[in-house]
PDB file of N, CA and C in Angstrom:
ATOM      1  N   MET A   1     161.154 185.926  56.550  1.00  0.00           N
ATOM      2  CA  MET A   1     160.439 187.200  56.812  1.00  0.00           C
ATOM      3  C   MET A   1     159.177 186.922  57.443  1.00  0.00           C
ATOM      4  N   ALA A   2     158.734 187.813  58.349  1.00  0.00           N
ATOM      5  CA  ALA A   2     157.430 187.577  59.069  1.00  0.00           C
ATOM      6  C   ALA A   2     156.465 188.552  58.482  1.00  0.00           C
ATOM      7  N   HIS A   3     155.221 188.337  58.882  1.00  0.00           N
ATOM      8  CA  HIS A   3     154.121 189.176  58.434  1.00  0.00           C
ATOM      9  C   HIS A   3     153.593 190.135  59.548  1.00  0.00           C
ATOM     10  N   LEU A   4     153.368 191.264  59.298  1.00  0.00           N
ATOM     11  CA  LEU A   4     152.682 192.241  60.155  1.00  0.00           C
ATOM     12  C   LEU A   4     151.149 192.064  59.770  1.00  0.00           C
ATOM     13  N   VAL A   5     150.418 191.654  60.859  1.00  0.00           N
ATOM     14  CA  VAL A   5     149.058 191.444  60.647  1.00  0.00           C
ATOM     15  C   VAL A   5     148.235 192.434  61.558  1.00  0.00           C
ATOM     16  N   ALA A   6     147.379 193.174  60.881  1.00  0.00           N
ATOM     17  CA  ALA A   6     146.540 194.204  61.429  1.00  0.00           C
ATOM     18  C   ALA A   6     145.136 193.776  61.405  1.00  0.00           C
ATOM     19  N   ILE A   7     144.406 193.811  62.577  1.00  0.00           N
ATOM     20  CA  ILE A   7     143.075 193.288  62.541  1.00  0.00           C
ATOM     21  C   ILE A   7     142.208 194.438  63.142  1.00  0.00           C
ATOM     22  N   GLN A   8     140.988 194.578  62.763  1.00  0.00           N
ATOM     23  CA  GLN A   8     140.005 195.474  63.315  1.00  0.00           C
ATOM     24  C   GLN A   8     138.915 194.579  63.980  1.00  0.00           C
ATOM     25  N   THR A   9     138.613 194.799  65.209  1.00  0.00           N
ATOM     26  CA  THR A   9     137.595 194.000  65.934  1.00  0.00           C
ATOM     27  C   THR A   9     136.233 194.604  65.483  1.00  0.00           C
ATOM     28  N   SER A  10     135.217 193.902  66.013  1.00  0.00           N
ATOM     29  CA  SER A  10     133.824 194.413  65.803  1.00  0.00           C
ATOM     30  C   SER A  10     133.522 195.666  66.513  1.00  0.00           C
ATOM     31  N   THR A  11     134.320 195.970  67.511  1.00  0.00           N
ATOM     32  CA  THR A  11     134.203 197.219  68.270  1.00  0.00           C
ATOM     33  C   THR A  11     134.926 198.366  67.615  1.00  0.00           C
ATOM     34  N   GLY A  12     135.652 198.086  66.479  1.00  0.00           N
ATOM     35  CA  GLY A  12     136.462 199.111  65.786  1.00  0.00           C
ATOM     36  C   GLY A  12     137.836 199.206  66.226  1.00  0.00           C
ATOM     37  N   GLU A  13     138.158 198.571  67.277  1.00  0.00           N
ATOM     38  CA  GLU A  13     139.592 198.634  67.813  1.00  0.00           C
ATOM     39  C   GLU A  13     140.593 197.874  66.889  1.00  0.00           C
ATOM     40  N   TRP A  14     141.853 198.448  66.629  1.00  0.00           N
ATOM     41  CA  TRP A  14     142.796 197.982  65.858  1.00  0.00           C
ATOM     42  C   TRP A  14     143.787 197.139  66.730  1.00  0.00           C
ATOM     43  N   GLN A  15     144.261 196.064  66.184  1.00  0.00           N
ATOM     44  CA  GLN A  15     145.120 195.222  67.009  1.00  0.00           C
ATOM     45  C   GLN A  15     146.342 194.771  65.989  1.00  0.00           C
ATOM     46  N   ALA A  16     147.579 194.640  66.460  1.00  0.00           N
ATOM     47  CA  ALA A  16     148.600 194.263  65.516  1.00  0.00           C
ATOM     48  C   ALA A  16     149.472 193.112  66.001  1.00  0.00           C
ATOM     49  N   PHE A  17     149.752 192.194  65.164  1.00  0.00           N
ATOM     50  CA  PHE A  17     150.561 191.021  65.511  1.00  0.00           C
ATOM     51  C   PHE A  17     151.539 190.818  64.385  1.00  0.00           C
ATOM     52  N   VAL A  18     152.702 190.182  64.808  1.00  0.00           N
ATOM     53  CA  VAL A  18     153.741 189.789  63.937  1.00  0.00           C
ATOM     54  C   VAL A  18     153.911 188.388  63.960  1.00  0.00           C
ATOM     55  N   VAL A  19     153.586 187.747  62.876  1.00  0.00           N
ATOM     56  CA  VAL A  19     153.434 186.295  62.688  1.00  0.00           C
ATOM     57  C   VAL A  19     154.479 185.710  61.802  1.00  0.00           C
ATOM     58  N   ALA A  20     155.356 184.851  62.358  1.00  0.00           N
ATOM     59  CA  ALA A  20     156.542 184.222  61.614  1.00  0.00           C
ATOM     60  C   ALA A  20     156.049 183.433  60.504  1.00  0.00           C
ATOM     61  N   HIS A  21     155.100 182.499  60.684  1.00  0.00           N
ATOM     62  CA  HIS A  21     154.621 181.604  59.702  1.00  0.00           C
ATOM     63  C   HIS A  21     153.136 181.467  59.744  1.00  0.00           C
ATOM     64  N   PRO A  22     152.529 182.531  58.960  1.00  0.00           N
ATOM     65  CA  PRO A  22     151.198 182.628  58.959  1.00  0.00           C
ATOM     66  C   PRO A  22     150.408 181.494  58.129  1.00  0.00           C
ATOM     67  N   SER A  23     149.225 181.040  58.617  1.00  0.00           N
ATOM     68  CA  SER A  23     148.406 180.123  57.727  1.00  0.00           C
ATOM     69  C   SER A  23     147.599 180.948  56.761  1.00  0.00           C
ATOM     70  N   ASN A  24     146.799 180.332  55.960  1.00  0.00           N
ATOM     71  CA  ASN A  24     145.948 181.115  54.964  1.00  0.00           C
ATOM     72  C   ASN A  24     144.874 181.941  55.600  1.00  0.00           C
ATOM     73  N   ARG A  25     144.516 181.496  56.922  1.00  0.00           N
ATOM     74  CA  ARG A  25     143.369 182.180  57.575  1.00  0.00           C
ATOM     75  C   ARG A  25     143.907 183.214  58.516  1.00  0.00           C
ATOM     76  N   PHE A  26     144.928 183.150  59.041  1.00  0.00           N
ATOM     77  CA  PHE A  26     145.503 183.950  60.092  1.00  0.00           C
ATOM     78  C   PHE A  26     144.855 183.835  61.636  1.00  0.00           C
ATOM     79  N   VAL A  27     143.531 183.620  61.505  1.00  0.00           N
ATOM     80  CA  VAL A  27     142.894 183.539  62.749  1.00  0.00           C
ATOM     81  C   VAL A  27     143.475 182.316  63.434  1.00  0.00           C
ATOM     82  N   GLY A  28     143.831 182.380  64.702  1.00  0.00           N
ATOM     83  CA  GLY A  28     144.313 181.249  65.478  1.00  0.00           C
ATOM     84  C   GLY A  28     145.770 181.250  65.323  1.00  0.00           C
ATOM     85  N   ASP A  29     146.566 181.868  64.499  1.00  0.00           N
ATOM     86  CA  ASP A  29     147.926 181.966  64.389  1.00  0.00           C
ATOM     87  C   ASP A  29     148.649 182.645  65.684  1.00  0.00           C
ATOM     88  N   ILE A  30     149.698 182.071  66.014  1.00  0.00           N
ATOM     89  CA  ILE A  30     150.400 182.535  67.195  1.00  0.00           C
ATOM     90  C   ILE A  30     151.462 183.506  66.730  1.00  0.00           C
ATOM     91  N   ASP A  31     151.510 184.677  67.241  1.00  0.00           N
ATOM     92  CA  ASP A  31     152.509 185.718  66.787  1.00  0.00           C
ATOM     93  C   ASP A  31     153.925 185.425  67.573  1.00  0.00           C
ATOM     94  N   VAL A  32     154.841 186.267  67.379  1.00  0.00           N
ATOM     95  CA  VAL A  32     156.140 186.025  67.818  1.00  0.00           C
ATOM     96  C   VAL A  32     156.243 186.207  69.343  1.00  0.00           C
ATOM     97  N   ILE A  33     155.404 186.888  70.003  1.00  0.00           N
ATOM     98  CA  ILE A  33     155.313 187.080  71.379  1.00  0.00           C
ATOM     99  C   ILE A  33     154.358 186.146  72.168  1.00  0.00           C
ATOM    100  N   GLY A  34     153.824 185.276  71.379  1.00  0.00           N
ATOM    101  CA  GLY A  34     152.953 184.225  72.020  1.00  0.00           C
ATOM    102  C   GLY A  34     151.372 184.516  72.126  1.00  0.00           C
ATOM    103  N   ARG A  35     150.993 185.630  71.337  1.00  0.00           N
ATOM    104  CA  ARG A  35     149.527 185.991  71.316  1.00  0.00           C
ATOM    105  C   ARG A  35     148.834 185.275  70.216  1.00  0.00           C
ATOM    106  N   GLU A  36     147.685 184.850  70.390  1.00  0.00           N
ATOM    107  CA  GLU A  36     146.744 184.331  69.330  1.00  0.00           C
ATOM    108  C   GLU A  36     146.043 185.299  68.581  1.00  0.00           C
ATOM    109  N   VAL A  37     146.066 185.268  67.180  1.00  0.00           N
ATOM    110  CA  VAL A  37     145.329 186.273  66.392  1.00  0.00           C
ATOM    111  C   VAL A  37     143.789 185.897  66.594  1.00  0.00           C
ATOM    112  N   PRO A  38     142.979 186.862  67.049  1.00  0.00           N
ATOM    113  CA  PRO A  38     141.618 186.498  67.280  1.00  0.00           C
ATOM    114  C   PRO A  38     140.745 186.641  66.004  1.00  0.00           C
ATOM    115  N   SER A  39     139.591 186.380  66.019  1.00  0.00           N
ATOM    116  CA  SER A  39     138.734 186.611  64.884  1.00  0.00           C
ATOM    117  C   SER A  39     138.539 188.118  64.608  1.00  0.00           C
ATOM    118  N   PHE A  40     138.140 188.516  63.503  1.00  0.00           N
ATOM    119  CA  PHE A  40     138.204 189.891  63.165  1.00  0.00           C
ATOM    120  C   PHE A  40     137.092 190.298  62.124  1.00  0.00           C
ATOM    121  N   CYS A  41     136.775 191.683  62.019  1.00  0.00           N
ATOM    122  CA  CYS A  41     135.933 192.106  61.010  1.00  0.00           C
ATOM    123  C   CYS A  41     136.744 192.435  59.719  1.00  0.00           C
ATOM    124  N   HIS A  42     137.902 193.020  59.957  1.00  0.00           N
ATOM    125  CA  HIS A  42     138.723 193.491  58.882  1.00  0.00           C
ATOM    126  C   HIS A  42     140.136 193.222  59.136  1.00  0.00           C
ATOM    127  N   MET A  43     140.939 192.711  58.127  1.00  0.00           N
ATOM    128  CA  MET A  43     142.285 192.317  58.342  1.00  0.00           C
ATOM    129  C   MET A  43     143.115 192.673  57.136  1.00  0.00           C
ATOM    130  N   ARG A  44     144.386 193.131  57.510  1.00  0.00           N
ATOM    131  CA  ARG A  44     145.354 193.461  56.307  1.00  0.00           C
ATOM    132  C   ARG A  44     146.587 192.775  56.794  1.00  0.00           C
ATOM    133  N   ALA A  45     147.440 192.165  55.945  1.00  0.00           N
ATOM    134  CA  ALA A  45     148.738 191.575  56.380  1.00  0.00           C
ATOM    135  C   ALA A  45     149.690 191.926  55.300  1.00  0.00           C
ATOM    136  N   TRP A  46     150.935 192.347  55.863  1.00  0.00           N
ATOM    137  CA  TRP A  46     151.991 192.746  54.953  1.00  0.00           C
ATOM    138  C   TRP A  46     153.206 191.881  55.323  1.00  0.00           C
ATOM    139  N   ASP A  47     153.883 191.467  54.130  1.00  0.00           N
ATOM    140  CA  ASP A  47     155.088 190.546  54.227  1.00  0.00           C
ATOM    141  C   ASP A  47     156.307 191.375  54.207  1.00  0.00           C
ATOM    142  N   GLY A  48     157.255 191.002  54.822  1.00  0.00           N
ATOM    143  CA  GLY A  48     158.638 191.631  54.618  1.00  0.00           C
ATOM    144  C   GLY A  48     159.221 192.165  56.028  1.00  0.00           C
ATOM    145  N   VAL A  49     158.748 191.611  57.200  1.00  0.00           N
ATOM    146  CA  VAL A  49     159.251 192.049  58.380  1.00  0.00           C
ATOM    147  C   VAL A  49     160.483 191.225  58.654  1.00  0.00           C
ATOM    148  N   PRO A  50     161.673 191.760  58.837  1.00  0.00           N
ATOM    149  CA  PRO A  50     162.941 190.947  59.084  1.00  0.00           C
ATOM    150  C   PRO A  50     162.742 190.131  60.351  1.00  0.00           C
ATOM    151  N   LYS A  51     163.043 188.918  60.362  1.00  0.00           N
ATOM    152  CA  LYS A  51     163.018 188.085  61.566  1.00  0.00           C
ATOM    153  C   LYS A  51     163.707 188.692  62.750  1.00  0.00           C
ATOM    154  N   ALA A  52     164.759 189.392  62.564  1.00  0.00           N
ATOM    155  CA  ALA A  52     165.540 189.987  63.698  1.00  0.00           C
ATOM    156  C   ALA A  52     164.787 191.192  64.327  1.00  0.00           C
ATOM    157  N   GLU A  53     163.768 191.790  63.530  1.00  0.00           N
ATOM    158  CA  GLU A  53     163.072 192.885  64.048  1.00  0.00           C
ATOM    159  C   GLU A  53     161.732 192.485  64.446  1.00  0.00           C
ATOM    160  N   ALA A  54     161.223 191.342  64.173  1.00  0.00           N
ATOM    161  CA  ALA A  54     159.785 190.906  64.459  1.00  0.00           C
ATOM    162  C   ALA A  54     159.367 191.015  65.886  1.00  0.00           C
ATOM    163  N   GLU A  55     160.145 190.633  66.853  1.00  0.00           N
ATOM    164  CA  GLU A  55     159.750 190.573  68.274  1.00  0.00           C
ATOM    165  C   GLU A  55     159.810 192.115  68.716  1.00  0.00           C
ATOM    166  N   ARG A  56     160.623 192.820  68.346  1.00  0.00           N
ATOM    167  CA  ARG A  56     160.595 194.228  68.645  1.00  0.00           C
ATOM    168  C   ARG A  56     159.500 195.023  68.225  1.00  0.00           C
ATOM    169  N   LEU A  57     159.171 194.780  66.899  1.00  0.00           N
ATOM    170  CA  LEU A  57     158.102 195.474  66.319  1.00  0.00           C
ATOM    171  C   LEU A  57     156.738 194.955  67.012  1.00  0.00           C
ATOM    172  N   ALA A  58     156.581 193.685  67.334  1.00  0.00           N
ATOM    173  CA  ALA A  58     155.305 193.180  67.985  1.00  0.00           C
ATOM    174  C   ALA A  58     155.206 193.866  69.351  1.00  0.00           C
ATOM    175  N   ARG A  59     156.228 193.860  70.149  1.00  0.00           N
ATOM    176  CA  ARG A  59     156.183 194.482  71.433  1.00  0.00           C
ATOM    177  C   ARG A  59     155.829 196.099  71.354  1.00  0.00           C
ATOM    178  N   SER A  60     156.483 196.697  70.502  1.00  0.00           N
ATOM    179  CA  SER A  60     156.249 198.173  70.328  1.00  0.00           C
ATOM    180  C   SER A  60     154.942 198.563  69.884  1.00  0.00           C
ATOM    181  N   LEU A  61     154.292 197.795  68.944  1.00  0.00           N
ATOM    182  CA  LEU A  61     152.984 197.997  68.578  1.00  0.00           C
ATOM    183  C   LEU A  61     151.912 197.737  69.669  1.00  0.00           C
ATOM    184  N   LYS A  62     152.257 196.635  70.434  1.00  0.00           N
ATOM    185  CA  LYS A  62     151.307 196.235  71.535  1.00  0.00           C
ATOM    186  C   LYS A  62     151.254 197.374  72.565  1.00  0.00           C
ATOM    187  N   GLY A  63     152.251 198.243  72.829  1.00  0.00           N
ATOM    188  CA  GLY A  63     152.305 199.231  73.687  1.00  0.00           C
ATOM    189  C   GLY A  63     151.657 200.498  73.229  1.00  0.00           C
ATOM    190  N   VAL A  64     151.292 200.747  72.081  1.00  0.00           N
ATOM    191  CA  VAL A  64     150.715 201.858  71.508  1.00  0.00           C
ATOM    192  C   VAL A  64     149.334 202.022  71.952  1.00  0.00           C
ATOM    193  N   PRO A  65     148.940 203.285  72.516  1.00  0.00           N
ATOM    194  CA  PRO A  65     147.580 203.492  73.024  1.00  0.00           C
ATOM    195  C   PRO A  65     146.618 203.226  71.948  1.00  0.00           C
ATOM    196  N   LYS A  66     145.348 202.849  72.131  1.00  0.00           N
ATOM    197  CA  LYS A  66     144.230 202.453  71.256  1.00  0.00           C
ATOM    198  C   LYS A  66     144.089 203.482  70.188  1.00  0.00           C
ATOM    199  N   ALA A  67     144.014 204.771  70.662  1.00  0.00           N
ATOM    200  CA  ALA A  67     143.674 205.871  69.789  1.00  0.00           C
ATOM    201  C   ALA A  67     144.678 206.028  68.773  1.00  0.00           C
ATOM    202  N   ALA A  68     146.009 205.655  68.938  1.00  0.00           N
ATOM    203  CA  ALA A  68     147.011 206.059  67.927  1.00  0.00           C
ATOM    204  C   ALA A  68     147.451 204.623  67.313  1.00  0.00           C
ATOM    205  N   ARG A  69     146.871 203.534  67.512  1.00  0.00           N
ATOM    206  CA  ARG A  69     147.370 202.348  67.119  1.00  0.00           C
ATOM    207  C   ARG A  69     147.260 202.072  65.636  1.00  0.00           C
ATOM    208  N   HIS A  70     146.101 202.516  64.948  1.00  0.00           N
ATOM    209  CA  HIS A  70     145.886 202.294  63.535  1.00  0.00           C
ATOM    210  C   HIS A  70     147.077 203.060  62.782  1.00  0.00           C
ATOM    211  N   ALA A  71     147.303 204.306  63.244  1.00  0.00           N
ATOM    212  CA  ALA A  71     148.373 205.109  62.503  1.00  0.00           C
ATOM    213  C   ALA A  71     149.698 204.550  62.723  1.00  0.00           C
ATOM    214  N   ALA A  72     149.902 203.912  63.918  1.00  0.00           N
ATOM    215  CA  ALA A  72     151.232 203.324  64.119  1.00  0.00           C
ATOM    216  C   ALA A  72     151.419 201.978  63.254  1.00  0.00           C
ATOM    217  N   ILE A  73     150.305 201.273  63.074  1.00  0.00           N
ATOM    218  CA  ILE A  73     150.331 200.113  62.129  1.00  0.00           C
ATOM    219  C   ILE A  73     150.642 200.518  60.806  1.00  0.00           C
ATOM    220  N   LEU A  74     149.963 201.495  60.257  1.00  0.00           N
ATOM    221  CA  LEU A  74     150.229 202.072  58.820  1.00  0.00           C
ATOM    222  C   LEU A  74     151.611 202.560  58.784  1.00  0.00           C
ATOM    223  N   LYS A  75     152.180 203.318  59.746  1.00  0.00           N
ATOM    224  CA  LYS A  75     153.573 203.671  59.679  1.00  0.00           C
ATOM    225  C   LYS A  75     154.484 202.405  59.535  1.00  0.00           C
ATOM    226  N   ALA A  76     154.239 201.476  60.491  1.00  0.00           N
ATOM    227  CA  ALA A  76     155.126 200.279  60.445  1.00  0.00           C
ATOM    228  C   ALA A  76     155.121 199.427  59.158  1.00  0.00           C
ATOM    229  N   SER A  77     153.995 199.534  58.402  1.00  0.00           N
ATOM    230  CA  SER A  77     153.783 198.766  57.229  1.00  0.00           C
ATOM    231  C   SER A  77     154.406 199.521  56.085  1.00  0.00           C
ATOM    232  N   GLU A  78     154.837 200.685  56.122  1.00  0.00           N
ATOM    233  CA  GLU A  78     155.517 201.317  55.089  1.00  0.00           C
ATOM    234  C   GLU A  78     156.807 200.503  54.699  1.00  0.00           C
ATOM    235  N   GLY A  79     156.894 200.338  53.298  1.00  0.00           N
ATOM    236  CA  GLY A  79     157.938 199.587  52.809  1.00  0.00           C
ATOM    237  C   GLY A  79     157.779 198.093  52.814  1.00  0.00           C
ATOM    238  N   LEU A  80     156.699 197.635  53.363  1.00  0.00           N
ATOM    239  CA  LEU A  80     156.330 196.117  53.417  1.00  0.00           C
ATOM    240  C   LEU A  80     155.365 195.892  52.246  1.00  0.00           C
ATOM    241  N   ARG A  81     155.318 194.702  51.809  1.00  0.00           N
ATOM    242  CA  ARG A  81     154.372 194.261  50.576  1.00  0.00           C
ATOM    243  C   ARG A  81     153.065 193.751  51.234  1.00  0.00           C
ATOM    244  N   LEU A  82     151.951 194.299  50.819  1.00  0.00           N
ATOM    245  CA  LEU A  82     150.642 193.840  51.113  1.00  0.00           C
ATOM    246  C   LEU A  82     150.401 192.459  50.585  1.00  0.00           C
ATOM    247  N   SER A  83     150.198 191.443  51.618  1.00  0.00           N
ATOM    248  CA  SER A  83     150.112 190.044  51.212  1.00  0.00           C
ATOM    249  C   SER A  83     148.719 189.601  51.394  1.00  0.00           C
ATOM    250  N   ALA A  84     147.935 190.163  52.113  1.00  0.00           N
ATOM    251  CA  ALA A  84     146.556 189.554  52.285  1.00  0.00           C
ATOM    252  C   ALA A  84     145.606 190.774  52.815  1.00  0.00           C
ATOM    253  N   SER A  85     144.315 190.704  52.462  1.00  0.00           N
ATOM    254  CA  SER A  85     143.228 191.511  53.065  1.00  0.00           C
ATOM    255  C   SER A  85     141.957 190.849  53.106  1.00  0.00           C
ATOM    256  N   ALA A  86     141.258 191.071  54.086  1.00  0.00           N
ATOM    257  CA  ALA A  86     139.905 190.343  54.157  1.00  0.00           C
ATOM    258  C   ALA A  86     138.976 191.136  55.111  1.00  0.00           C
ATOM    259  N   GLY A  87     137.652 190.842  54.883  1.00  0.00           N
ATOM    260  CA  GLY A  87     136.680 191.576  55.626  1.00  0.00           C
ATOM    261  C   GLY A  87     136.366 192.876  55.167  1.00  0.00           C
ATOM    262  N   THR A  88     135.585 193.598  56.068  1.00  0.00           N
ATOM    263  CA  THR A  88     135.058 194.884  55.796  1.00  0.00           C
ATOM    264  C   THR A  88     135.382 195.759  56.863  1.00  0.00           C
ATOM    265  N   PRO A  89     135.921 196.957  56.686  1.00  0.00           N
ATOM    266  CA  PRO A  89     136.355 197.962  57.832  1.00  0.00           C
ATOM    267  C   PRO A  89     135.013 198.217  58.584  1.00  0.00           C
ATOM    268  N   VAL A  90     135.140 198.488  59.727  1.00  0.00           N
ATOM    269  CA  VAL A  90     134.038 198.884  60.698  1.00  0.00           C
ATOM    270  C   VAL A  90     133.856 200.304  60.615  1.00  0.00           C
TER     271      VAL A  90
END
């Protein structure tokens, strides 16, 4: 199972990554489509993304407009288990 990792940057923008083998810190991990998880102000991670669906999910969330991205991340996290949370929401 992969992890859906949602981060909020210092500007308040949400970004989503799907990481197959996350470290304990998440920062610097490489997601399934080759992007590096940057530093963040707030982060939540959910476990339970099937490996067969991981790349499709990462690409679909990457293409969501910024204004709708947080809602799309929350929708994608339904049915997954919250595995980590850090930082303070902006």
